[in-house]
Amino acid sequence: MEGSNRPTPARIRILGRAVNATISRAPWLWPVLRPAVHGFFERSAAGWDTRTGAGSVPHLAAFAAACAQVRPPPERILELGTGTGEAALFLAREFPGASVRGVDLSEEMIHAAQAKVGLDPTGRIAFRVADAADLPYGDESFDLVALLNMPPFFAEIGRVLRPEGSVIVAASWGAATPFYTPPAVLERGLRRHGITSVADGETGGGSWFVGRKRSDYI
C-alpha cells in the first residue's frame, strides 16, 4: 500500500498491519484474506497515484536508499506488489542494464502500470498479474527481488531468488505504513530461506532492509 503526504486513515492502517502480520507469521491463511485484499486494490486503482503520492520523492526515498546497498548491479529484477509500477520504473532507471518484471494481484493496478510503459520495444520492463504467494517464475530466476509497502511472502522470495541475489523490503513511512514488517521479523523470516541481513536503516521517514541469499543455500 503506497504512502502519501497525508496520514493513512487509521482504519486502513490497522487492517493493513493485521494482513501484514498474518502473512508474515501464518502465510497459510492468505487464501482467506486474498479476496478482500484483491477487491480493495481493484477499487482503489483509479486515481491511486494522485491520492497517494506514488512515485514522489518521499514515497521512494527509503526504497532508493535500499537500492544503493545492492552490489553488484542486478541483471534480472522482480518487484512484488508493483501497484501502478512506480517503484519498478525507478528500478529500471537505477539499474539500466537490468530487465525488470513487476507483478501485482490487481488487474486494474497492472493496467495502470502497463499504460506507463506502453509497447516497450526493448522488453526490458514488463508487468503482469500474479499472486506473490504463487509466482509464475522458476526457481532462482532473479538476482534482485524488491518489495515496497508490500507484505513479505518469505517462501516465494527465497524460491525465486538466485544464490548471492539480494532482496529489498522498504516501507515509505516506516511503522506508520499499513504494510510494514519490523526488521527482526524480516530477518527471522528470510533466514529460514537462506537469506541473511546485509543492512537496514531509516531514510526520509521511511525504513528499509536489504538481505542477500547465501551461495551455499540448498
N, C-alpha and C. Protein backbone atom coordinates (compact mmCIF):
# COMPACT_ATOMS: atom_id res chain seq x y z
N MET A 1 0.85 -1.18 0.00
CA MET A 1 0.00 0.00 0.00
C MET A 1 0.89 1.23 0.00
N GLU A 2 0.71 2.12 -0.92
CA GLU A 2 1.62 3.24 -1.11
C GLU A 2 1.39 4.33 -0.07
N GLY A 3 2.38 5.21 0.06
CA GLY A 3 2.26 6.31 1.01
C GLY A 3 2.00 7.62 0.32
N SER A 4 1.57 8.62 1.06
CA SER A 4 1.33 9.96 0.54
C SER A 4 1.78 10.95 1.59
N ASN A 5 1.60 12.25 1.31
CA ASN A 5 1.92 13.25 2.30
C ASN A 5 0.82 13.38 3.34
N ARG A 6 -0.32 12.74 3.11
CA ARG A 6 -1.41 12.74 4.07
C ARG A 6 -1.36 11.45 4.88
N PRO A 7 -1.72 11.53 6.19
CA PRO A 7 -1.72 10.32 7.01
C PRO A 7 -2.68 9.28 6.44
N THR A 8 -2.28 8.02 6.50
CA THR A 8 -3.16 6.94 6.10
C THR A 8 -4.30 6.85 7.10
N PRO A 9 -5.55 6.75 6.66
CA PRO A 9 -6.65 6.61 7.62
C PRO A 9 -6.39 5.47 8.58
N ALA A 10 -6.75 5.68 9.83
CA ALA A 10 -6.43 4.71 10.88
C ALA A 10 -7.02 3.34 10.57
N ARG A 11 -8.23 3.29 10.02
CA ARG A 11 -8.86 2.01 9.75
C ARG A 11 -8.04 1.21 8.74
N ILE A 12 -7.57 1.87 7.69
CA ILE A 12 -6.78 1.18 6.67
C ILE A 12 -5.44 0.75 7.25
N ARG A 13 -4.84 1.61 8.06
CA ARG A 13 -3.55 1.27 8.65
C ARG A 13 -3.66 0.04 9.56
N ILE A 14 -4.72 -0.02 10.36
CA ILE A 14 -4.91 -1.15 11.27
C ILE A 14 -5.17 -2.43 10.48
N LEU A 15 -6.02 -2.34 9.47
CA LEU A 15 -6.31 -3.52 8.65
C LEU A 15 -5.06 -3.99 7.91
N GLY A 16 -4.30 -3.04 7.37
CA GLY A 16 -3.08 -3.39 6.65
C GLY A 16 -2.08 -4.08 7.55
N ARG A 17 -1.90 -3.57 8.76
CA ARG A 17 -0.96 -4.20 9.68
C ARG A 17 -1.41 -5.60 10.06
N ALA A 18 -2.73 -5.80 10.19
CA ALA A 18 -3.24 -7.14 10.52
C ALA A 18 -2.98 -8.11 9.38
N VAL A 19 -3.22 -7.67 8.14
CA VAL A 19 -2.94 -8.52 6.98
C VAL A 19 -1.45 -8.83 6.91
N ASN A 20 -0.63 -7.82 7.11
CA ASN A 20 0.81 -8.00 7.02
C ASN A 20 1.32 -8.99 8.07
N ALA A 21 0.83 -8.85 9.30
CA ALA A 21 1.26 -9.75 10.37
C ALA A 21 0.84 -11.19 10.08
N THR A 22 -0.35 -11.34 9.51
CA THR A 22 -0.83 -12.69 9.19
C THR A 22 0.04 -13.34 8.13
N ILE A 23 0.37 -12.60 7.08
CA ILE A 23 1.19 -13.15 6.00
C ILE A 23 2.60 -13.46 6.51
N SER A 24 3.13 -12.61 7.37
CA SER A 24 4.48 -12.82 7.89
C SER A 24 4.57 -14.05 8.78
N ARG A 25 3.51 -14.29 9.56
CA ARG A 25 3.58 -15.33 10.59
C ARG A 25 2.74 -16.56 10.28
N ALA A 26 1.68 -16.40 9.49
CA ALA A 26 0.79 -17.53 9.17
C ALA A 26 0.38 -17.46 7.70
N PRO A 27 1.34 -17.62 6.78
CA PRO A 27 1.03 -17.43 5.35
C PRO A 27 -0.02 -18.38 4.81
N TRP A 28 -0.25 -19.51 5.49
CA TRP A 28 -1.27 -20.45 5.03
C TRP A 28 -2.68 -19.86 5.10
N LEU A 29 -2.85 -18.73 5.81
CA LEU A 29 -4.15 -18.08 5.88
C LEU A 29 -4.39 -17.10 4.72
N TRP A 30 -3.40 -16.90 3.88
CA TRP A 30 -3.53 -15.95 2.77
C TRP A 30 -4.75 -16.23 1.89
N PRO A 31 -5.08 -17.47 1.53
CA PRO A 31 -6.27 -17.68 0.69
C PRO A 31 -7.55 -17.11 1.29
N VAL A 32 -7.62 -17.03 2.62
CA VAL A 32 -8.80 -16.45 3.26
C VAL A 32 -8.82 -14.93 3.08
N LEU A 33 -7.65 -14.31 3.12
CA LEU A 33 -7.55 -12.85 3.03
C LEU A 33 -7.53 -12.35 1.59
N ARG A 34 -7.10 -13.19 0.68
CA ARG A 34 -6.84 -12.77 -0.69
C ARG A 34 -8.03 -12.06 -1.36
N PRO A 35 -9.27 -12.58 -1.29
CA PRO A 35 -10.37 -11.90 -1.99
C PRO A 35 -10.59 -10.46 -1.53
N ALA A 36 -10.51 -10.23 -0.22
CA ALA A 36 -10.73 -8.87 0.29
C ALA A 36 -9.60 -7.94 -0.13
N VAL A 37 -8.34 -8.41 -0.07
CA VAL A 37 -7.20 -7.58 -0.48
C VAL A 37 -7.29 -7.27 -1.97
N HIS A 38 -7.60 -8.28 -2.77
CA HIS A 38 -7.75 -8.08 -4.21
C HIS A 38 -8.83 -7.04 -4.50
N GLY A 39 -9.98 -7.17 -3.84
CA GLY A 39 -11.08 -6.23 -4.07
C GLY A 39 -10.72 -4.81 -3.69
N PHE A 40 -9.99 -4.65 -2.59
CA PHE A 40 -9.60 -3.30 -2.16
C PHE A 40 -8.77 -2.61 -3.23
N PHE A 41 -7.76 -3.30 -3.76
CA PHE A 41 -6.88 -2.67 -4.73
C PHE A 41 -7.53 -2.52 -6.10
N GLU A 42 -8.44 -3.40 -6.44
CA GLU A 42 -9.20 -3.21 -7.68
C GLU A 42 -10.01 -1.92 -7.60
N ARG A 43 -10.66 -1.70 -6.48
CA ARG A 43 -11.48 -0.49 -6.31
C ARG A 43 -10.63 0.77 -6.18
N SER A 44 -9.41 0.61 -5.70
CA SER A 44 -8.57 1.78 -5.40
C SER A 44 -7.68 2.21 -6.56
N ALA A 45 -7.60 1.43 -7.61
CA ALA A 45 -6.61 1.67 -8.67
C ALA A 45 -6.81 3.02 -9.36
N ALA A 46 -8.04 3.37 -9.66
CA ALA A 46 -8.30 4.63 -10.37
C ALA A 46 -7.88 5.81 -9.50
N GLY A 47 -6.99 6.63 -10.00
CA GLY A 47 -6.52 7.81 -9.27
C GLY A 47 -5.56 7.52 -8.13
N TRP A 48 -5.01 6.30 -8.09
CA TRP A 48 -4.13 5.90 -6.98
C TRP A 48 -2.93 6.82 -6.83
N ASP A 49 -2.23 7.11 -7.92
CA ASP A 49 -1.01 7.92 -7.83
C ASP A 49 -1.30 9.31 -7.28
N THR A 50 -2.40 9.91 -7.73
CA THR A 50 -2.75 11.25 -7.27
C THR A 50 -3.08 11.26 -5.79
N ARG A 51 -3.84 10.28 -5.35
CA ARG A 51 -4.26 10.23 -3.95
C ARG A 51 -3.12 9.91 -3.00
N THR A 52 -2.20 9.07 -3.43
CA THR A 52 -1.19 8.54 -2.51
C THR A 52 0.20 9.14 -2.67
N GLY A 53 0.44 9.86 -3.76
CA GLY A 53 1.78 10.38 -3.99
C GLY A 53 2.75 9.34 -4.48
N ALA A 54 2.25 8.25 -5.04
CA ALA A 54 3.12 7.19 -5.56
C ALA A 54 4.08 7.75 -6.59
N GLY A 55 5.35 7.42 -6.45
CA GLY A 55 6.37 7.91 -7.37
C GLY A 55 7.03 9.21 -6.93
N SER A 56 6.53 9.83 -5.86
CA SER A 56 7.12 11.07 -5.37
C SER A 56 8.43 10.78 -4.63
N VAL A 57 9.20 11.82 -4.40
CA VAL A 57 10.47 11.65 -3.67
C VAL A 57 10.24 11.05 -2.29
N PRO A 58 9.27 11.56 -1.48
CA PRO A 58 9.07 10.94 -0.17
C PRO A 58 8.65 9.47 -0.26
N HIS A 59 7.84 9.15 -1.24
CA HIS A 59 7.36 7.78 -1.40
C HIS A 59 8.51 6.82 -1.71
N LEU A 60 9.50 7.26 -2.47
CA LEU A 60 10.57 6.38 -2.93
C LEU A 60 11.88 6.52 -2.15
N ALA A 61 11.94 7.44 -1.16
CA ALA A 61 13.22 7.74 -0.52
C ALA A 61 13.84 6.52 0.15
N ALA A 62 13.07 5.79 0.94
CA ALA A 62 13.62 4.62 1.62
C ALA A 62 13.98 3.53 0.63
N PHE A 63 13.17 3.37 -0.38
CA PHE A 63 13.42 2.38 -1.43
C PHE A 63 14.73 2.69 -2.14
N ALA A 64 14.94 3.97 -2.46
CA ALA A 64 16.18 4.38 -3.13
C ALA A 64 17.39 4.12 -2.26
N ALA A 65 17.26 4.37 -0.95
CA ALA A 65 18.38 4.12 -0.04
C ALA A 65 18.74 2.64 -0.01
N ALA A 66 17.73 1.78 -0.07
CA ALA A 66 17.99 0.34 -0.11
C ALA A 66 18.68 -0.06 -1.40
N CYS A 67 18.24 0.50 -2.52
CA CYS A 67 18.85 0.18 -3.81
C CYS A 67 20.34 0.50 -3.82
N ALA A 68 20.72 1.57 -3.10
CA ALA A 68 22.13 1.97 -3.07
C ALA A 68 23.01 0.93 -2.37
N GLN A 69 22.39 0.00 -1.63
CA GLN A 69 23.14 -1.03 -0.92
C GLN A 69 23.32 -2.31 -1.75
N VAL A 70 22.71 -2.37 -2.91
CA VAL A 70 22.72 -3.60 -3.71
C VAL A 70 23.99 -3.66 -4.56
N ARG A 71 24.78 -4.69 -4.35
CA ARG A 71 26.01 -4.93 -5.11
C ARG A 71 26.15 -6.43 -5.37
N PRO A 72 26.56 -6.80 -6.59
CA PRO A 72 26.77 -5.99 -7.78
C PRO A 72 25.42 -5.62 -8.40
N PRO A 73 25.41 -4.76 -9.42
CA PRO A 73 24.15 -4.41 -10.06
C PRO A 73 23.45 -5.66 -10.60
N PRO A 74 22.16 -5.81 -10.34
CA PRO A 74 21.44 -7.00 -10.79
C PRO A 74 21.17 -6.97 -12.29
N GLU A 75 20.97 -8.15 -12.84
CA GLU A 75 20.61 -8.28 -14.25
C GLU A 75 19.14 -8.59 -14.45
N ARG A 76 18.53 -9.29 -13.48
CA ARG A 76 17.11 -9.64 -13.55
C ARG A 76 16.46 -9.26 -12.22
N ILE A 77 15.44 -8.38 -12.30
CA ILE A 77 14.79 -7.84 -11.11
C ILE A 77 13.31 -8.19 -11.13
N LEU A 78 12.79 -8.55 -9.97
CA LEU A 78 11.36 -8.77 -9.79
C LEU A 78 10.87 -7.87 -8.68
N GLU A 79 9.83 -7.07 -8.96
CA GLU A 79 9.19 -6.28 -7.91
C GLU A 79 7.83 -6.88 -7.61
N LEU A 80 7.61 -7.20 -6.35
CA LEU A 80 6.35 -7.78 -5.89
C LEU A 80 5.42 -6.67 -5.41
N GLY A 81 4.13 -6.79 -5.76
CA GLY A 81 3.17 -5.77 -5.36
C GLY A 81 3.45 -4.44 -6.02
N THR A 82 3.68 -4.48 -7.31
CA THR A 82 4.15 -3.30 -8.04
C THR A 82 3.12 -2.16 -8.10
N GLY A 83 1.84 -2.46 -7.89
CA GLY A 83 0.83 -1.41 -7.97
C GLY A 83 0.80 -0.79 -9.35
N THR A 84 0.91 0.53 -9.41
CA THR A 84 0.91 1.23 -10.70
C THR A 84 2.30 1.32 -11.32
N GLY A 85 3.26 0.62 -10.75
CA GLY A 85 4.56 0.46 -11.40
C GLY A 85 5.62 1.49 -11.11
N GLU A 86 5.37 2.42 -10.18
CA GLU A 86 6.35 3.49 -9.96
C GLU A 86 7.68 2.98 -9.44
N ALA A 87 7.66 2.04 -8.51
CA ALA A 87 8.93 1.51 -8.00
C ALA A 87 9.67 0.69 -9.05
N ALA A 88 8.92 -0.04 -9.89
CA ALA A 88 9.55 -0.80 -10.97
C ALA A 88 10.23 0.14 -11.96
N LEU A 89 9.60 1.25 -12.27
CA LEU A 89 10.20 2.22 -13.18
C LEU A 89 11.45 2.83 -12.55
N PHE A 90 11.41 3.06 -11.24
CA PHE A 90 12.61 3.55 -10.56
C PHE A 90 13.74 2.53 -10.66
N LEU A 91 13.42 1.26 -10.45
CA LEU A 91 14.44 0.21 -10.56
C LEU A 91 15.05 0.17 -11.96
N ALA A 92 14.24 0.36 -12.97
CA ALA A 92 14.75 0.36 -14.34
C ALA A 92 15.71 1.52 -14.58
N ARG A 93 15.43 2.66 -13.95
CA ARG A 93 16.34 3.80 -14.07
C ARG A 93 17.61 3.59 -13.26
N GLU A 94 17.46 3.02 -12.08
CA GLU A 94 18.60 2.83 -11.17
C GLU A 94 19.56 1.77 -11.70
N PHE A 95 19.01 0.75 -12.36
CA PHE A 95 19.82 -0.35 -12.88
C PHE A 95 19.56 -0.49 -14.38
N PRO A 96 20.16 0.37 -15.18
CA PRO A 96 19.83 0.43 -16.62
C PRO A 96 20.21 -0.81 -17.40
N GLY A 97 21.04 -1.67 -16.84
CA GLY A 97 21.40 -2.90 -17.54
C GLY A 97 20.51 -4.07 -17.21
N ALA A 98 19.50 -3.87 -16.37
CA ALA A 98 18.67 -4.97 -15.89
C ALA A 98 17.32 -5.03 -16.59
N SER A 99 16.79 -6.24 -16.68
CA SER A 99 15.37 -6.41 -17.04
C SER A 99 14.57 -6.37 -15.76
N VAL A 100 13.39 -5.75 -15.82
CA VAL A 100 12.56 -5.56 -14.63
C VAL A 100 11.18 -6.13 -14.89
N ARG A 101 10.73 -6.96 -13.96
CA ARG A 101 9.38 -7.52 -14.02
C ARG A 101 8.63 -7.08 -12.77
N GLY A 102 7.42 -6.57 -12.97
CA GLY A 102 6.59 -6.16 -11.85
C GLY A 102 5.31 -6.97 -11.84
N VAL A 103 4.93 -7.48 -10.69
CA VAL A 103 3.70 -8.27 -10.58
C VAL A 103 2.81 -7.67 -9.50
N ASP A 104 1.51 -7.86 -9.68
CA ASP A 104 0.54 -7.39 -8.70
C ASP A 104 -0.70 -8.25 -8.78
N LEU A 105 -1.38 -8.38 -7.66
CA LEU A 105 -2.60 -9.16 -7.59
C LEU A 105 -3.75 -8.52 -8.35
N SER A 106 -3.73 -7.20 -8.46
CA SER A 106 -4.84 -6.44 -9.03
C SER A 106 -4.68 -6.23 -10.53
N GLU A 107 -5.68 -6.65 -11.28
CA GLU A 107 -5.69 -6.43 -12.73
C GLU A 107 -5.71 -4.94 -13.05
N GLU A 108 -6.47 -4.17 -12.28
CA GLU A 108 -6.58 -2.73 -12.56
C GLU A 108 -5.26 -2.02 -12.29
N MET A 109 -4.57 -2.40 -11.26
CA MET A 109 -3.25 -1.81 -11.00
C MET A 109 -2.28 -2.13 -12.13
N ILE A 110 -2.30 -3.35 -12.60
CA ILE A 110 -1.40 -3.74 -13.69
C ILE A 110 -1.74 -3.00 -14.97
N HIS A 111 -3.01 -2.78 -15.24
CA HIS A 111 -3.38 -1.99 -16.42
C HIS A 111 -2.79 -0.59 -16.33
N ALA A 112 -2.84 0.01 -15.14
CA ALA A 112 -2.26 1.34 -14.96
C ALA A 112 -0.76 1.32 -15.16
N ALA A 113 -0.09 0.29 -14.64
CA ALA A 113 1.36 0.18 -14.81
C ALA A 113 1.73 -0.01 -16.27
N GLN A 114 1.01 -0.86 -16.97
CA GLN A 114 1.30 -1.12 -18.38
C GLN A 114 1.13 0.13 -19.23
N ALA A 115 0.19 0.96 -18.86
CA ALA A 115 -0.04 2.19 -19.62
C ALA A 115 1.16 3.14 -19.54
N LYS A 116 1.96 3.01 -18.50
CA LYS A 116 3.12 3.89 -18.33
C LYS A 116 4.29 3.49 -19.23
N VAL A 117 4.37 2.23 -19.60
CA VAL A 117 5.47 1.80 -20.46
C VAL A 117 5.03 1.57 -21.90
N GLY A 118 3.72 1.42 -22.12
CA GLY A 118 3.23 1.18 -23.47
C GLY A 118 3.84 -0.06 -24.07
N LEU A 119 4.13 0.00 -25.33
CA LEU A 119 4.76 -1.12 -26.03
C LEU A 119 6.27 -0.92 -25.98
N ASP A 120 6.89 -1.36 -24.93
CA ASP A 120 8.33 -1.21 -24.75
C ASP A 120 9.05 -2.09 -25.77
N PRO A 121 9.71 -1.49 -26.77
CA PRO A 121 10.33 -2.30 -27.82
C PRO A 121 11.51 -3.14 -27.31
N THR A 122 12.09 -2.74 -26.18
CA THR A 122 13.22 -3.50 -25.66
C THR A 122 12.78 -4.69 -24.82
N GLY A 123 11.56 -4.65 -24.32
CA GLY A 123 11.10 -5.71 -23.44
C GLY A 123 11.77 -5.69 -22.08
N ARG A 124 12.43 -4.59 -21.76
CA ARG A 124 13.21 -4.52 -20.51
C ARG A 124 12.31 -4.39 -19.29
N ILE A 125 11.15 -3.76 -19.46
CA ILE A 125 10.20 -3.58 -18.35
C ILE A 125 8.88 -4.23 -18.76
N ALA A 126 8.36 -5.09 -17.90
CA ALA A 126 7.09 -5.74 -18.20
C ALA A 126 6.33 -5.97 -16.91
N PHE A 127 5.01 -5.90 -17.01
CA PHE A 127 4.13 -6.09 -15.87
C PHE A 127 3.14 -7.21 -16.16
N ARG A 128 2.78 -7.94 -15.10
CA ARG A 128 1.77 -8.98 -15.27
C ARG A 128 1.04 -9.21 -13.95
N VAL A 129 -0.19 -9.70 -14.07
CA VAL A 129 -0.99 -10.05 -12.90
C VAL A 129 -0.45 -11.36 -12.34
N ALA A 130 -0.16 -11.38 -11.05
CA ALA A 130 0.33 -12.60 -10.40
C ALA A 130 0.19 -12.45 -8.90
N ASP A 131 0.04 -13.58 -8.24
CA ASP A 131 -0.06 -13.64 -6.78
C ASP A 131 1.34 -13.86 -6.21
N ALA A 132 1.77 -12.98 -5.31
CA ALA A 132 3.11 -13.09 -4.72
C ALA A 132 3.28 -14.36 -3.90
N ALA A 133 2.19 -15.03 -3.57
CA ALA A 133 2.27 -16.29 -2.84
C ALA A 133 2.45 -17.49 -3.76
N ASP A 134 2.32 -17.27 -5.06
CA ASP A 134 2.43 -18.36 -6.03
C ASP A 134 2.92 -17.78 -7.36
N LEU A 135 4.19 -17.44 -7.42
CA LEU A 135 4.73 -16.70 -8.54
C LEU A 135 4.90 -17.57 -9.79
N PRO A 136 4.66 -17.01 -10.97
CA PRO A 136 4.76 -17.77 -12.22
C PRO A 136 6.18 -17.79 -12.78
N TYR A 137 7.17 -17.97 -11.92
CA TYR A 137 8.56 -17.98 -12.34
C TYR A 137 9.26 -19.20 -11.73
N GLY A 138 10.30 -19.66 -12.42
CA GLY A 138 11.04 -20.81 -11.94
C GLY A 138 11.95 -20.47 -10.77
N ASP A 139 12.50 -21.51 -10.18
CA ASP A 139 13.42 -21.33 -9.06
C ASP A 139 14.65 -20.54 -9.51
N GLU A 140 15.11 -19.67 -8.62
CA GLU A 140 16.35 -18.90 -8.82
C GLU A 140 16.35 -18.13 -10.14
N SER A 141 15.24 -17.44 -10.40
CA SER A 141 15.08 -16.70 -11.66
C SER A 141 15.61 -15.27 -11.59
N PHE A 142 15.78 -14.70 -10.38
CA PHE A 142 16.09 -13.27 -10.26
C PHE A 142 17.26 -13.06 -9.30
N ASP A 143 18.05 -12.00 -9.59
CA ASP A 143 19.10 -11.66 -8.65
C ASP A 143 18.79 -10.42 -7.82
N LEU A 144 17.59 -9.88 -7.95
CA LEU A 144 17.06 -8.90 -7.01
C LEU A 144 15.55 -9.07 -6.95
N VAL A 145 15.03 -9.23 -5.74
CA VAL A 145 13.59 -9.21 -5.50
C VAL A 145 13.31 -8.02 -4.60
N ALA A 146 12.40 -7.14 -5.01
CA ALA A 146 12.15 -5.89 -4.31
C ALA A 146 10.70 -5.78 -3.89
N LEU A 147 10.48 -5.26 -2.67
CA LEU A 147 9.15 -5.03 -2.15
C LEU A 147 9.09 -3.62 -1.57
N LEU A 148 8.11 -2.85 -2.00
CA LEU A 148 7.86 -1.53 -1.42
C LEU A 148 6.43 -1.51 -0.90
N ASN A 149 6.29 -1.34 0.42
CA ASN A 149 4.97 -1.29 1.04
C ASN A 149 4.15 -2.53 0.70
N MET A 150 4.77 -3.66 0.93
CA MET A 150 4.21 -4.94 0.50
C MET A 150 4.49 -6.01 1.55
N PRO A 151 3.52 -6.85 1.89
CA PRO A 151 3.80 -7.95 2.84
C PRO A 151 4.80 -8.94 2.24
N PRO A 152 5.66 -9.51 3.07
CA PRO A 152 6.67 -10.44 2.56
C PRO A 152 6.19 -11.89 2.55
N PHE A 153 6.13 -12.46 1.38
CA PHE A 153 5.85 -13.89 1.24
C PHE A 153 7.20 -14.59 1.20
N PHE A 154 7.70 -14.94 2.37
CA PHE A 154 9.09 -15.37 2.52
C PHE A 154 9.46 -16.56 1.65
N ALA A 155 8.60 -17.56 1.59
CA ALA A 155 8.95 -18.78 0.86
C ALA A 155 9.14 -18.50 -0.63
N GLU A 156 8.26 -17.70 -1.22
CA GLU A 156 8.38 -17.42 -2.64
C GLU A 156 9.56 -16.50 -2.94
N ILE A 157 9.83 -15.55 -2.06
CA ILE A 157 11.02 -14.71 -2.24
C ILE A 157 12.26 -15.59 -2.28
N GLY A 158 12.38 -16.48 -1.31
CA GLY A 158 13.54 -17.36 -1.27
C GLY A 158 13.62 -18.30 -2.46
N ARG A 159 12.48 -18.74 -2.95
CA ARG A 159 12.48 -19.70 -4.07
C ARG A 159 12.97 -19.07 -5.36
N VAL A 160 12.51 -17.86 -5.68
CA VAL A 160 12.85 -17.27 -6.98
C VAL A 160 14.16 -16.50 -6.97
N LEU A 161 14.76 -16.30 -5.78
CA LEU A 161 16.00 -15.54 -5.68
C LEU A 161 17.21 -16.45 -5.90
N ARG A 162 18.12 -15.98 -6.74
CA ARG A 162 19.34 -16.74 -7.02
C ARG A 162 20.30 -16.67 -5.84
N PRO A 163 21.18 -17.66 -5.67
CA PRO A 163 22.26 -17.55 -4.68
C PRO A 163 23.09 -16.28 -4.93
N GLU A 164 23.42 -15.58 -3.86
CA GLU A 164 24.12 -14.30 -3.89
C GLU A 164 23.21 -13.16 -4.36
N GLY A 165 21.94 -13.45 -4.64
CA GLY A 165 21.00 -12.41 -5.01
C GLY A 165 20.55 -11.61 -3.80
N SER A 166 20.00 -10.43 -4.05
CA SER A 166 19.59 -9.51 -2.99
C SER A 166 18.07 -9.38 -2.91
N VAL A 167 17.60 -9.05 -1.73
CA VAL A 167 16.19 -8.71 -1.52
C VAL A 167 16.11 -7.37 -0.82
N ILE A 168 15.20 -6.53 -1.29
CA ILE A 168 14.92 -5.22 -0.69
C ILE A 168 13.50 -5.25 -0.16
N VAL A 169 13.32 -4.80 1.08
CA VAL A 169 11.99 -4.58 1.64
C VAL A 169 11.99 -3.17 2.22
N ALA A 170 11.14 -2.29 1.68
CA ALA A 170 11.09 -0.91 2.14
C ALA A 170 9.65 -0.50 2.46
N ALA A 171 9.53 0.40 3.43
CA ALA A 171 8.24 0.96 3.81
C ALA A 171 8.34 2.48 3.77
N SER A 172 7.54 3.11 2.95
CA SER A 172 7.68 4.55 2.71
C SER A 172 7.57 5.38 3.97
N TRP A 173 6.74 4.94 4.92
CA TRP A 173 6.52 5.72 6.13
C TRP A 173 6.85 4.92 7.39
N GLY A 174 7.78 3.99 7.25
CA GLY A 174 8.21 3.21 8.40
C GLY A 174 7.06 2.49 9.06
N ALA A 175 7.02 2.53 10.38
CA ALA A 175 6.00 1.81 11.13
C ALA A 175 4.60 2.36 10.91
N ALA A 176 4.47 3.55 10.33
CA ALA A 176 3.15 4.11 10.02
C ALA A 176 2.60 3.58 8.71
N THR A 177 3.39 2.81 7.97
CA THR A 177 2.94 2.22 6.71
C THR A 177 2.02 1.04 7.00
N PRO A 178 0.86 0.96 6.34
CA PRO A 178 -0.03 -0.18 6.61
C PRO A 178 0.64 -1.53 6.44
N PHE A 179 1.36 -1.74 5.33
CA PHE A 179 2.09 -2.99 5.13
C PHE A 179 3.54 -2.77 5.56
N TYR A 180 3.76 -2.88 6.86
CA TYR A 180 5.09 -2.68 7.44
C TYR A 180 5.49 -3.94 8.19
N THR A 181 6.74 -4.39 7.97
CA THR A 181 7.27 -5.55 8.67
C THR A 181 8.50 -5.13 9.46
N PRO A 182 8.53 -5.31 10.78
CA PRO A 182 9.71 -4.92 11.57
C PRO A 182 10.95 -5.67 11.10
N PRO A 183 12.13 -5.04 11.20
CA PRO A 183 13.36 -5.69 10.75
C PRO A 183 13.60 -7.06 11.38
N ALA A 184 13.27 -7.21 12.66
CA ALA A 184 13.50 -8.50 13.32
C ALA A 184 12.66 -9.61 12.70
N VAL A 185 11.42 -9.27 12.30
CA VAL A 185 10.54 -10.25 11.65
C VAL A 185 11.07 -10.59 10.26
N LEU A 186 11.52 -9.56 9.54
CA LEU A 186 12.11 -9.80 8.22
C LEU A 186 13.33 -10.70 8.33
N GLU A 187 14.21 -10.37 9.26
CA GLU A 187 15.45 -11.14 9.39
C GLU A 187 15.15 -12.60 9.71
N ARG A 188 14.22 -12.82 10.63
CA ARG A 188 13.89 -14.19 11.03
C ARG A 188 13.21 -14.95 9.90
N GLY A 189 12.26 -14.31 9.21
CA GLY A 189 11.55 -14.99 8.14
C GLY A 189 12.42 -15.30 6.94
N LEU A 190 13.28 -14.37 6.57
CA LEU A 190 14.15 -14.58 5.42
C LEU A 190 15.27 -15.57 5.72
N ARG A 191 15.74 -15.58 6.96
CA ARG A 191 16.81 -16.50 7.33
C ARG A 191 16.40 -17.95 7.10
N ARG A 192 15.12 -18.25 7.29
CA ARG A 192 14.64 -19.62 7.09
C ARG A 192 14.77 -20.06 5.64
N HIS A 193 14.98 -19.09 4.74
CA HIS A 193 15.10 -19.40 3.31
C HIS A 193 16.48 -19.02 2.77
N GLY A 194 17.45 -19.00 3.66
CA GLY A 194 18.84 -18.81 3.26
C GLY A 194 19.24 -17.38 2.99
N ILE A 195 18.44 -16.42 3.44
CA ILE A 195 18.74 -15.01 3.17
C ILE A 195 19.16 -14.33 4.46
N THR A 196 20.33 -13.75 4.46
CA THR A 196 20.87 -13.11 5.66
C THR A 196 20.84 -11.59 5.51
N SER A 197 20.77 -10.91 6.63
CA SER A 197 20.70 -9.46 6.65
C SER A 197 22.02 -8.84 6.19
N VAL A 198 21.94 -7.82 5.35
CA VAL A 198 23.10 -7.04 4.92
C VAL A 198 23.11 -5.68 5.58
N ALA A 199 21.97 -5.00 5.56
CA ALA A 199 21.87 -3.66 6.13
C ALA A 199 20.40 -3.30 6.31
N ASP A 200 20.14 -2.39 7.23
CA ASP A 200 18.80 -1.80 7.34
C ASP A 200 18.96 -0.41 7.89
N GLY A 201 17.93 0.41 7.71
CA GLY A 201 18.02 1.79 8.17
C GLY A 201 16.74 2.55 7.95
N GLU A 202 16.82 3.85 8.20
CA GLU A 202 15.68 4.75 8.02
C GLU A 202 16.12 5.93 7.17
N THR A 203 15.27 6.30 6.23
CA THR A 203 15.57 7.41 5.33
C THR A 203 14.28 8.16 5.00
N GLY A 204 14.28 9.46 5.17
CA GLY A 204 13.15 10.27 4.78
C GLY A 204 11.84 9.89 5.43
N GLY A 205 11.90 9.41 6.66
CA GLY A 205 10.69 8.99 7.35
C GLY A 205 10.29 7.55 7.07
N GLY A 206 10.97 6.90 6.14
CA GLY A 206 10.68 5.51 5.82
C GLY A 206 11.77 4.59 6.33
N SER A 207 11.55 3.28 6.18
CA SER A 207 12.52 2.29 6.64
C SER A 207 12.83 1.32 5.51
N TRP A 208 14.01 0.69 5.60
CA TRP A 208 14.42 -0.24 4.56
C TRP A 208 15.28 -1.35 5.13
N PHE A 209 15.29 -2.46 4.41
CA PHE A 209 16.04 -3.65 4.80
C PHE A 209 16.59 -4.28 3.53
N VAL A 210 17.85 -4.72 3.59
CA VAL A 210 18.47 -5.41 2.46
C VAL A 210 19.05 -6.73 2.96
N GLY A 211 18.75 -7.81 2.26
CA GLY A 211 19.32 -9.12 2.58
C GLY A 211 19.96 -9.74 1.36
N ARG A 212 20.74 -10.79 1.59
CA ARG A 212 21.39 -11.49 0.49
C ARG A 212 21.29 -12.99 0.73
N LYS A 213 21.02 -13.72 -0.35
CA LYS A 213 20.89 -15.18 -0.25
C LYS A 213 22.27 -15.82 -0.25
N ARG A 214 22.47 -16.73 0.68
CA ARG A 214 23.75 -17.41 0.80
C ARG A 214 24.04 -18.24 -0.45
N SER A 215 25.29 -18.26 -0.84
CA SER A 215 25.68 -19.04 -2.03
C SER A 215 25.57 -20.53 -1.80
N ASP A 216 25.64 -20.97 -0.52
CA ASP A 216 25.63 -22.39 -0.22
C ASP A 216 24.26 -22.89 0.20
N TYR A 217 23.22 -22.03 0.04
CA TYR A 217 21.89 -22.45 0.48
C TYR A 217 21.27 -23.40 -0.53
N ILE A 218 20.73 -24.52 -0.05
CA ILE A 218 20.08 -25.51 -0.91
C ILE A 218 18.62 -25.64 -0.47
